[in-house]
C-alpha atoms as a PDB file:
ATOM      1  CA  MET A   1      99.801  90.585  93.601  1.00  0.00           C
ATOM      2  CA  ASP A   2     101.748  90.410  96.205  1.00  0.00           C
ATOM      3  CA  ILE A   3     101.556  91.939 100.036  1.00  0.00           C
ATOM      4  CA  VAL A   4     104.433  93.681 101.820  1.00  0.00           C
ATOM      5  CA  ILE A   5     103.928  93.887 105.560  1.00  0.00           C
ATOM      6  CA  THR A   6     106.484  96.251 107.572  1.00  0.00           C
ATOM      7  CA  TYR A   7     106.841  94.824 111.220  1.00  0.00           C
ATOM      8  CA  VAL A   8     108.682  95.815 114.593  1.00  0.00           C
ATOM      9  CA  ASN A   9     108.877  94.092 117.608  1.00  0.00           C
ATOM     10  CA  GLY A  10     109.711  96.893 120.089  1.00  0.00           C
ATOM     11  CA  ASN A  11     110.543  94.057 122.568  1.00  0.00           C
ATOM     12  CA  ASP A  12     113.543  92.557 120.726  1.00  0.00           C
ATOM     13  CA  PRO A  13     117.035  93.780 122.706  1.00  0.00           C
ATOM     14  CA  VAL A  14     118.586  93.621 119.406  1.00  0.00           C
ATOM     15  CA  TRP A  15     116.325  96.244 118.430  1.00  0.00           C
ATOM     16  CA  GLN A  16     116.488  98.385 121.549  1.00  0.00           C
ATOM     17  CA  LYS A  17     120.290  98.413 121.404  1.00  0.00           C
ATOM     18  CA  ASP A  18     120.625  99.959 117.868  1.00  0.00           C
ATOM     19  CA  TYR A  19     117.484 102.400 118.958  1.00  0.00           C
ATOM     20  CA  GLU A  20     119.405 103.610 121.661  1.00  0.00           C
ATOM     21  CA  LYS A  21     122.603 103.833 120.140  1.00  0.00           C
ATOM     22  CA  TYR A  22     121.401 105.635 117.028  1.00  0.00           C
ATOM     23  CA  THR A  23     118.829 107.919 118.026  1.00  0.00           C
ATOM     24  CA  GLU A  24     117.989 110.635 121.041  1.00  0.00           C
ATOM     25  CA  VAL A  25     114.166 110.275 120.595  1.00  0.00           C
ATOM     26  CA  PRO A  26     112.393 108.414 123.450  1.00  0.00           C
ATOM     27  CA  VAL A  27     110.723 105.098 122.220  1.00  0.00           C
ATOM     28  CA  LEU A  28     107.135 105.826 120.951  1.00  0.00           C
ATOM     29  CA  GLU A  29     105.534 102.855 122.735  1.00  0.00           C
ATOM     30  CA  LYS A  30     102.444 102.998 120.730  1.00  0.00           C
ATOM     31  CA  ARG A  31     104.550 102.837 117.496  1.00  0.00           C
ATOM     32  CA  PHE A  32     106.480  99.968 118.138  1.00  0.00           C
ATOM     33  CA  ARG A  33     104.320  97.598 120.848  1.00  0.00           C
ATOM     34  CA  ASP A  34     104.132  94.057 119.188  1.00  0.00           C
ATOM     35  CA  TRP A  35     100.283  93.080 120.371  1.00  0.00           C
ATOM     36  CA  GLY A  36     101.369  89.316 119.346  1.00  0.00           C
ATOM     37  CA  THR A  37      98.494  89.299 116.290  1.00  0.00           C
ATOM     38  CA  LEU A  38     101.004  88.897 113.329  1.00  0.00           C
ATOM     39  CA  GLN A  39     100.230  85.402 113.108  1.00  0.00           C
ATOM     40  CA  TYR A  40      96.272  86.287 112.458  1.00  0.00           C
ATOM     41  CA  LEU A  41      97.378  88.921 109.955  1.00  0.00           C
ATOM     42  CA  LEU A  42      98.694  85.852 107.976  1.00  0.00           C
ATOM     43  CA  ARG A  43      95.987  83.528 108.906  1.00  0.00           C
ATOM     44  CA  GLY A  44      93.387  86.349 107.378  1.00  0.00           C
ATOM     45  CA  ILE A  45      95.541  86.769 104.474  1.00  0.00           C
ATOM     46  CA  GLU A  46      95.415  83.068 103.750  1.00  0.00           C
ATOM     47  CA  LYS A  47      91.676  82.428 104.778  1.00  0.00           C
ATOM     48  CA  HIS A  48      90.215  85.821 103.169  1.00  0.00           C
ATOM     49  CA  MET A  49      92.844  86.810 100.092  1.00  0.00           C
ATOM     50  CA  PRO A  50      93.711  83.393  98.439  1.00  0.00           C
ATOM     51  CA  PHE A  51      94.798  85.412  95.242  1.00  0.00           C
ATOM     52  CA  ILE A  52      98.004  86.424  96.702  1.00  0.00           C
ATOM     53  CA  ARG A  53     100.964  84.895  95.307  1.00  0.00           C
ATOM     54  CA  LYS A  54     103.517  86.025  97.779  1.00  0.00           C
ATOM     55  CA  VAL A  55     103.943  87.815 101.163  1.00  0.00           C
ATOM     56  CA  PHE A  56     106.952  89.577 102.185  1.00  0.00           C
ATOM     57  CA  LEU A  57     107.790  90.414 106.066  1.00  0.00           C
ATOM     58  CA  VAL A  58     109.735  93.455 106.181  1.00  0.00           C
ATOM     59  CA  VAL A  59     112.132  93.812 109.245  1.00  0.00           C
ATOM     60  CA  SER A  60     115.283  95.224 110.482  1.00  0.00           C
ATOM     61  CA  HIS A  61     116.876  92.477 111.914  1.00  0.00           C
ATOM     62  CA  ARG A  62     116.508  88.336 112.007  1.00  0.00           C
ATOM     63  CA  SER A  63     115.943  88.497 115.665  1.00  0.00           C
ATOM     64  CA  GLN A  64     112.696  90.344 114.740  1.00  0.00           C
ATOM     65  CA  VAL A  65     111.379  87.086 113.069  1.00  0.00           C
ATOM     66  CA  PRO A  66     109.007  85.399 115.526  1.00  0.00           C
ATOM     67  CA  GLU A  67     110.402  81.908 116.158  1.00  0.00           C
ATOM     68  CA  TRP A  68     106.766  80.383 114.709  1.00  0.00           C
ATOM     69  CA  VAL A  69     107.260  81.879 111.376  1.00  0.00           C
ATOM     70  CA  ASP A  70     108.022  79.334 108.225  1.00  0.00           C
ATOM     71  CA  THR A  71     110.213  81.225 106.404  1.00  0.00           C
ATOM     72  CA  ASP A  72     109.930  78.734 103.393  1.00  0.00           C
ATOM     73  CA  ASN A  73     106.515  79.939 102.725  1.00  0.00           C
ATOM     74  CA  LEU A  74     106.652  83.819 104.548  1.00  0.00           C
ATOM     75  CA  ASN A  75     109.643  85.825 102.162  1.00  0.00           C
ATOM     76  CA  VAL A  76     111.523  87.573 105.411  1.00  0.00           C
ATOM     77  CA  VAL A  77     113.415  91.009 104.034  1.00  0.00           C
ATOM     78  CA  LEU A  78     115.556  92.811 106.166  1.00  0.00           C
ATOM     79  CA  HIS A  79     116.218  96.773 105.504  1.00  0.00           C
ATOM     80  CA  GLU A  80     119.431  95.993 104.129  1.00  0.00           C
ATOM     81  CA  GLU A  81     118.257  94.221 101.042  1.00  0.00           C
ATOM     82  CA  PHE A  82     116.292  97.201  99.931  1.00  0.00           C
ATOM     83  CA  VAL A  83     117.036 100.631 101.826  1.00  0.00           C
ATOM     84  CA  PRO A  84     120.358 102.761 100.601  1.00  0.00           C
ATOM     85  CA  GLU A  85     123.135 101.584 103.323  1.00  0.00           C
ATOM     86  CA  GLU A  86     123.814 105.040 104.011  1.00  0.00           C
ATOM     87  CA  TYR A  87     120.119 105.575 105.496  1.00  0.00           C
ATOM     88  CA  LEU A  88     120.723 102.650 107.808  1.00  0.00           C
ATOM     89  CA  PRO A  89     119.905 101.486 110.798  1.00  0.00           C
ATOM     90  CA  THR A  90     116.182 103.654 110.310  1.00  0.00           C
ATOM     91  CA  PHE A  91     113.118 103.486 112.650  1.00  0.00           C
ATOM     92  CA  ASN A  92     111.235 105.467 110.602  1.00  0.00           C
ATOM     93  CA  CYS A  93     108.817 104.112 108.426  1.00  0.00           C
ATOM     94  CA  ASN A  94     108.408 106.686 106.214  1.00  0.00           C
ATOM     95  CA  THR A  95     112.218 105.616 105.133  1.00  0.00           C
ATOM     96  CA  LEU A  96     111.053 102.198 104.187  1.00  0.00           C
ATOM     97  CA  GLU A  97     107.971 103.435 102.468  1.00  0.00           C
ATOM     98  CA  MET A  98     110.188 105.172  99.922  1.00  0.00           C
ATOM     99  CA  ASN A  99     111.666 101.809  98.954  1.00  0.00           C
ATOM    100  CA  LEU A 100     109.469  99.197  99.420  1.00  0.00           C
ATOM    101  CA  HIS A 101     109.327  98.836  95.464  1.00  0.00           C
ATOM    102  CA  ARG A 102     113.207  98.178  95.688  1.00  0.00           C
ATOM    103  CA  ILE A 103     112.306  94.914  97.101  1.00  0.00           C
ATOM    104  CA  LYS A 104     113.514  91.667  95.017  1.00  0.00           C
ATOM    105  CA  GLY A 105     111.100  89.848  93.537  1.00  0.00           C
ATOM    106  CA  LEU A 106     108.040  91.997  94.185  1.00  0.00           C
ATOM    107  CA  ASP A 107     104.992  91.666  91.566  1.00  0.00           C
ATOM    108  CA  GLU A 108     104.093  94.424  89.559  1.00  0.00           C
ATOM    109  CA  GLN A 109     100.748  95.012  91.809  1.00  0.00           C
ATOM    110  CA  TYR A 110     101.311  94.788  95.458  1.00  0.00           C
ATOM    111  CA  LEU A 111      99.452  96.062  98.444  1.00  0.00           C
ATOM    112  CA  TYR A 112     101.432  97.479 101.428  1.00  0.00           C
ATOM    113  CA  PHE A 113     100.102  96.707 104.775  1.00  0.00           C
ATOM    114  CA  ASN A 114     101.034  97.591 108.025  1.00  0.00           C
ATOM    115  CA  ASP A 115     100.773  94.879 110.823  1.00  0.00           C
ATOM    116  CA  ASP A 116      97.511  96.671 112.377  1.00  0.00           C
ATOM    117  CA  LEU A 117      95.567  95.691 109.396  1.00  0.00           C
ATOM    118  CA  PHE A 118      93.577  92.120 109.224  1.00  0.00           C
ATOM    119  CA  PRO A 119      91.473  90.821 106.467  1.00  0.00           C
ATOM    120  CA  VAL A 120      88.222  89.395 107.989  1.00  0.00           C
ATOM    121  CA  ARG A 121      85.923  88.874 105.251  1.00  0.00           C
ATOM    122  CA  ASP A 122      86.299  87.437 101.916  1.00  0.00           C
ATOM    123  CA  CYS A 123      88.338  89.581  99.526  1.00  0.00           C
ATOM    124  CA  ARG A 124      88.433  89.493  95.554  1.00  0.00           C
ATOM    125  CA  PRO A 125      90.966  91.050  93.438  1.00  0.00           C
ATOM    126  CA  GLU A 126      88.863  93.677  91.994  1.00  0.00           C
ATOM    127  CA  ASP A 127      88.818  95.310  95.574  1.00  0.00           C
ATOM    128  CA  PHE A 128      92.091  96.109  95.130  1.00  0.00           C
ATOM    129  CA  TYR A 129      92.705  96.703  91.336  1.00  0.00           C
ATOM    130  CA  ARG A 130      90.298  97.042  88.214  1.00  0.00           C
ATOM    131  CA  ASP A 131      91.723  96.974  84.586  1.00  0.00           C
ATOM    132  CA  GLY A 132      95.101  97.371  85.715  1.00  0.00           C
ATOM    133  CA  LYS A 133      94.074 100.599  88.131  1.00  0.00           C
ATOM    134  CA  ALA A 134      94.348 100.820  91.828  1.00  0.00           C
ATOM    135  CA  LEU A 135      91.275 101.448  94.033  1.00  0.00           C
ATOM    136  CA  ILE A 136      91.421 102.950  97.156  1.00  0.00           C
ATOM    137  CA  GLY A 137      89.270 106.151  98.619  1.00  0.00           C
ATOM    138  CA  PHE A 138      90.702 109.647  98.678  1.00  0.00           C
ATOM    139  CA  THR A 139      89.236 112.579 100.717  1.00  0.00           C
ATOM    140  CA  LYS A 140      90.439 116.200 100.380  1.00  0.00           C
ATOM    141  CA  HIS A 141      91.901 118.012 102.908  1.00  0.00           C
ATOM    142  CA  TRP A 142      93.103 121.686 103.890  1.00  0.00           C
ATOM    143  CA  PHE A 143      94.372 121.795 107.489  1.00  0.00           C
ATOM    144  CA  SER A 144      97.729 120.278 108.036  1.00  0.00           C
ATOM    145  CA  SER A 145      98.189 120.621 111.609  1.00  0.00           C
ATOM    146  CA  GLY A 146     100.236 117.849 113.360  1.00  0.00           C
ATOM    147  CA  MET A 147     103.377 116.003 111.825  1.00  0.00           C
ATOM    148  CA  PHE A 148     101.423 113.351 110.355  1.00  0.00           C
ATOM    149  CA  LYS A 149      99.143 115.684 108.173  1.00  0.00           C
ATOM    150  CA  GLN A 150     102.230 117.680 107.582  1.00  0.00           C
ATOM    151  CA  ILE A 151     103.810 114.493 105.874  1.00  0.00           C
ATOM    152  CA  CYS A 152     100.626 114.145 103.883  1.00  0.00           C
ATOM    153  CA  ARG A 153     100.858 117.334 102.893  1.00  0.00           C
ATOM    154  CA  ASN A 154     104.383 117.003 101.743  1.00  0.00           C
ATOM    155  CA  SER A 155     103.757 113.698  99.983  1.00  0.00           C
ATOM    156  CA  ASP A 156     100.701 115.254  97.813  1.00  0.00           C
ATOM    157  CA  LEU A 157     103.070 118.314  96.894  1.00  0.00           C
ATOM    158  CA  LEU A 158     106.233 116.044  95.472  1.00  0.00           C
ATOM    159  CA  ALA A 159     103.422 113.968  93.412  1.00  0.00           C
ATOM    160  CA  ARG A 160     102.315 117.256  92.002  1.00  0.00           C
ATOM    161  CA  LYS A 161     105.765 118.615  91.500  1.00  0.00           C
ATOM    162  CA  ALA A 162     106.426 115.316  89.678  1.00  0.00           C
ATOM    163  CA  LEU A 163     103.780 115.667  87.330  1.00  0.00           C
ATOM    164  CA  GLY A 164     104.432 119.123  86.517  1.00  0.00           C
ATOM    165  CA  MET A 165     101.183 120.423  88.611  1.00  0.00           C
ATOM    166  CA  PRO A 166     100.704 123.551  90.441  1.00  0.00           C
ATOM    167  CA  ALA A 167     100.974 123.652  94.448  1.00  0.00           C
ATOM    168  CA  SER A 168      97.623 123.738  95.920  1.00  0.00           C
ATOM    169  CA  ARG A 169      96.671 124.670  99.394  1.00  0.00           C
ATOM    170  CA  PHE A 170      94.325 121.477  99.499  1.00  0.00           C
ATOM    171  CA  PHE A 171      96.092 117.989  99.429  1.00  0.00           C
ATOM    172  CA  MET A 172      94.740 114.791  98.771  1.00  0.00           C
ATOM    173  CA  ARG A 173      94.701 111.772 101.337  1.00  0.00           C
ATOM    174  CA  PRO A 174      94.062 108.305 100.626  1.00  0.00           C
ATOM    175  CA  GLN A 175      92.117 106.410 103.409  1.00  0.00           C
ATOM    176  CA  HIS A 176      93.507 104.711 106.242  1.00  0.00           C
ATOM    177  CA  ILE A 177      93.946 101.219 105.057  1.00  0.00           C
ATOM    178  CA  CYS A 178      96.435  98.743 102.895  1.00  0.00           C
ATOM    179  CA  ALA A 179      97.523 100.593 100.010  1.00  0.00           C
ATOM    180  CA  PRO A 180      97.600  99.131  96.417  1.00  0.00           C
ATOM    181  CA  MET A 181     100.913  99.914  94.626  1.00  0.00           C
ATOM    182  CA  LEU A 182     101.962  99.860  91.022  1.00  0.00           C
ATOM    183  CA  LYS A 183     105.754  98.880  91.118  1.00  0.00           C
ATOM    184  CA  SER A 184     106.646 100.258  87.333  1.00  0.00           C
ATOM    185  CA  GLU A 185     105.051 103.827  88.713  1.00  0.00           C
ATOM    186  CA  CYS A 186     106.846 103.768  92.072  1.00  0.00           C
ATOM    187  CA  GLU A 187     110.048 103.250  90.181  1.00  0.00           C
ATOM    188  CA  LYS A 188     109.231 106.087  87.805  1.00  0.00           C
ATOM    189  CA  LEU A 189     108.433 108.585  90.505  1.00  0.00           C
ATOM    190  CA  SER A 190     111.189 107.574  92.770  1.00  0.00           C
ATOM    191  CA  GLY A 191     113.507 108.696  89.586  1.00  0.00           C
ATOM    192  CA  ILE A 192     111.812 111.838  88.896  1.00  0.00           C
ATOM    193  CA  VAL A 193     111.929 113.019  92.223  1.00  0.00           C
ATOM    194  CA  ALA A 194     115.038 111.346  93.811  1.00  0.00           C
ATOM    195  CA  GLU A 195     116.825 114.537  95.265  1.00  0.00           C
ATOM    196  CA  ASP A 196     113.794 115.227  97.094  1.00  0.00           C
ATOM    197  CA  ILE A 197     113.493 112.097  98.494  1.00  0.00           C
ATOM    198  CA  ALA A 198     117.042 111.630  99.599  1.00  0.00           C
ATOM    199  CA  GLY A 199     117.021 115.001 101.253  1.00  0.00           C
ATOM    200  CA  SER A 200     114.064 114.023 103.561  1.00  0.00           C
ATOM    201  CA  TYR A 201     115.544 110.756 105.091  1.00  0.00           C
ATOM    202  CA  THR A 202     115.631 110.759 109.195  1.00  0.00           C
ATOM    203  CA  ARG A 203     116.334 107.762 111.085  1.00  0.00           C
ATOM    204  CA  THR A 204     113.255 108.738 113.234  1.00  0.00           C
ATOM    205  CA  ARG A 205     109.918 110.439 111.622  1.00  0.00           C
ATOM    206  CA  GLU A 206     110.056 114.112 111.144  1.00  0.00           C
ATOM    207  CA  GLY A 207     107.859 116.888 109.452  1.00  0.00           C
ATOM    208  CA  ARG A 208     109.898 117.095 106.446  1.00  0.00           C
ATOM    209  CA  ASN A 209     109.348 113.385 105.434  1.00  0.00           C
ATOM    210  CA  TYR A 210     107.452 111.843 102.787  1.00  0.00           C
ATOM    211  CA  ASN A 211     105.426 108.761 102.982  1.00  0.00           C
ATOM    212  CA  GLN A 212     103.741 106.288 100.754  1.00  0.00           C
ATOM    213  CA  TYR A 213     100.633 108.583 100.115  1.00  0.00           C
ATOM    214  CA  MET A 214     102.988 110.374  97.709  1.00  0.00           C
ATOM    215  CA  PHE A 215     102.536 106.930  95.391  1.00  0.00           C
ATOM    216  CA  THR A 216      98.722 106.635  95.425  1.00  0.00           C
ATOM    217  CA  ASP A 217      98.495 110.318  94.994  1.00  0.00           C
ATOM    218  CA  TYR A 218     101.016 110.142  92.115  1.00  0.00           C
ATOM    219  CA  LEU A 219      98.753 107.230  90.932  1.00  0.00           C
ATOM    220  CA  PHE A 220      95.535 109.215  91.255  1.00  0.00           C
ATOM    221  CA  TYR A 221      96.631 112.392  89.944  1.00  0.00           C
ATOM    222  CA  GLN A 222      97.348 110.563  86.608  1.00  0.00           C
ATOM    223  CA  GLY A 223      93.744 108.337  86.566  1.00  0.00           C
ATOM    224  CA  LYS A 224      95.670 105.581  87.540  1.00  0.00           C
ATOM    225  CA  ALA A 225      93.786 105.029  90.756  1.00  0.00           C
ATOM    226  CA  LEU A 226      90.248 105.431  91.218  1.00  0.00           C
ATOM    227  CA  SER A 227      88.681 106.826  94.594  1.00  0.00           C
ATOM    228  CA  GLU A 228      86.663 103.900  95.277  1.00  0.00           C
ATOM    229  CA  LYS A 229      86.864 102.829  99.142  1.00  0.00           C
ATOM    230  CA  ILE A 230      88.308  99.728 100.361  1.00  0.00           C
ATOM    231  CA  SER A 231      85.551  97.821 102.486  1.00  0.00           C
ATOM    232  CA  SER A 232      87.406  98.766 105.910  1.00  0.00           C
ATOM    233  CA  LYS A 233      86.655  99.157 109.830  1.00  0.00           C
ATOM    234  CA  HIS A 234      89.111 101.615 111.952  1.00  0.00           C
ATOM    235  CA  LEU A 235      89.116 100.781 115.519  1.00  0.00           C
ATOM    236  CA  SER A 236      90.898 103.047 118.013  1.00  0.00           C
ATOM    237  CA  VAL A 237      91.666 101.351 121.247  1.00  0.00           C
ATOM    238  CA  ALA A 238      91.673 104.480 122.924  1.00  0.00           C
ATOM    239  CA  VAL A 239      87.641 104.470 122.280  1.00  0.00           C
ATOM    240  CA  SER A 240      86.783 101.132 121.506  1.00  0.00           C
ATOM    241  CA  SER A 241      85.317  99.034 124.050  1.00  0.00           C
ATOM    242  CA  SER A 242      86.413  95.256 124.263  1.00  0.00           C
ATOM    243  CA  SER A 243      82.981  94.169 122.978  1.00  0.00           C
ATOM    244  CA  ARG A 244      83.055  96.776 120.039  1.00  0.00           C
ATOM    245  CA  ILE A 245      86.586  94.927 118.954  1.00  0.00           C
ATOM    246  CA  ARG A 246      85.289  91.658 119.576  1.00  0.00           C
ATOM    247  CA  LYS A 247      82.191  91.821 117.386  1.00  0.00           C
ATOM    248  CA  ALA A 248      84.698  93.847 114.673  1.00  0.00           C
ATOM    249  CA  ILE A 249      86.795  90.666 114.738  1.00  0.00           C
ATOM    250  CA  GLU A 250      84.198  87.620 115.322  1.00  0.00           C
ATOM    251  CA  THR A 251      81.044  89.072 113.227  1.00  0.00           C
ATOM    252  CA  PRO A 252      82.750  91.585 110.707  1.00  0.00           C
ATOM    253  CA  SER A 253      80.667  94.032 108.928  1.00  0.00           C
ATOM    254  CA  ARG A 254      83.785  94.917 106.405  1.00  0.00           C
ATOM    255  CA  ASN A 255      86.413  93.264 104.993  1.00  0.00           C
ATOM    256  CA  LEU A 256      89.246  94.745 106.321  1.00  0.00           C
ATOM    257  CA  ILE A 257      89.787  96.155 109.764  1.00  0.00           C
ATOM    258  CA  CYS A 258      92.581  98.406 111.473  1.00  0.00           C
ATOM    259  CA  ILE A 259      93.197  98.045 115.106  1.00  0.00           C
ATOM    260  CA  ASN A 260      94.958 101.161 115.990  1.00  0.00           C
ATOM    261  CA  ASP A 261      97.103 101.359 119.275  1.00  0.00           C
ATOM    262  CA  VAL A 262      97.630 104.520 121.111  1.00  0.00           C
ATOM    263  CA  ARG A 263      99.198 105.065 124.847  1.00  0.00           C
ATOM    264  CA  LEU A 264      97.481 102.973 127.198  1.00  0.00           C
ATOM    265  CA  SER A 265      97.956 102.060 130.851  1.00  0.00           C
ATOM    266  CA  GLU A 266      99.145  98.776 131.369  1.00  0.00           C
ATOM    267  CA  LYS A 267      96.230  97.052 132.767  1.00  0.00           C
ATOM    268  CA  ARG A 268      94.069  98.635 130.154  1.00  0.00           C
ATOM    269  CA  TYR A 269      96.667  97.441 127.244  1.00  0.00           C
ATOM    270  CA  GLU A 270      96.735  93.647 128.997  1.00  0.00           C
ATOM    271  CA  MET A 271      93.012  93.796 128.981  1.00  0.00           C
ATOM    272  CA  LEU A 272      92.383  94.636 125.565  1.00  0.00           C
ATOM    273  CA  ARG A 273      95.458  92.661 124.344  1.00  0.00           C
ATOM    274  CA  LYS A 274      93.678  89.645 125.944  1.00  0.00           C
ATOM    275  CA  THR A 275      90.113  90.225 124.313  1.00  0.00           C
ATOM    276  CA  VAL A 276      92.137  90.867 120.766  1.00  0.00           C
ATOM    277  CA  ILE A 277      93.959  87.694 121.126  1.00  0.00           C
ATOM    278  CA  ASP A 278      90.623  85.368 122.113  1.00  0.00           C
ATOM    279  CA  ALA A 279      88.560  86.852 119.279  1.00  0.00           C
ATOM    280  CA  PHE A 280      91.316  86.152 116.630  1.00  0.00           C
ATOM    281  CA  GLU A 281      91.910  82.900 117.950  1.00  0.00           C
ATOM    282  CA  ARG A 282      87.758  82.138 117.636  1.00  0.00           C
ATOM    283  CA  LYS A 283      87.959  83.701 114.099  1.00  0.00           C
ATOM    284  CA  PHE A 284      91.473  81.901 112.930  1.00  0.00           C
ATOM    285  CA  PRO A 285      91.667  78.966 114.909  1.00  0.00           C
ATOM    286  CA  GLN A 286      93.897  77.132 112.327  1.00  0.00           C
ATOM    287  CA  LYS A 287      97.288  77.850 111.606  1.00  0.00           C
ATOM    288  CA  SER A 288      98.475  78.791 108.187  1.00  0.00           C
ATOM    289  CA  ARG A 289     101.254  78.284 105.972  1.00  0.00           C
ATOM    290  CA  PHE A 290     103.360  80.942 107.085  1.00  0.00           C
ATOM    291  CA  GLU A 291     103.673  78.999 110.376  1.00  0.00           C
ATOM    292  CA  LYS A 292     105.744  76.247 111.138  1.00  0.00           C
END
């Protein structure tokens, strides 16, 4: 299986110039801030997920690729290589997620990672797929207040529509962790609801978008995804202390951790960033094959 990582460095002046030119939305700092932890995600993959075949790093421009990256071992993919030209440039992860399965050379089984997810204990292929079926926890929801939950509801409704299922006031939501995908099923669903997807594209996130949950919901309703939680821990920097974050990295109780960014004062951001970097350096002191 492969891993696809979407990555943005909001400090990149080339990216900033495009953002200012094509949007009228202020930059949401917490969505585009780079904590400098990408190399630790890659070190975690190499150490704890040795069964991974290829790792793809998805970026908007070559200027987004850190200088330390070894491009002979890390497959860099530009947005223009898999997203239809008419929807570029985009600053919306949902637009990317609708098209990740179009990346050239991608395996049938692939895991979609955001860059705030880190393998911190040994994982097995069976933690993500069993007998050709994806494994991920699902929960049922009713209320869809806020943009993100509305997008989750949209995605569930579209998966149901593609399968000829009636709409429901409830919607399924996969756990917030890496998403196990089946490329052929993503291609099939994208073909069935191509017009709906095309009408949802926006440069920045809007409530009428769909996200990658559409694909996992589609698998679940067909019995091609089993509701079994992936071993993971979610940490929000809004409420997690430095000691808690350090412990989760250095002596983890789960296989994967998500360190979720929020709006922070500059002082607290710098303090927590130092904690995270220090802890990861202790956890993963050796460079991976993805680094020069």
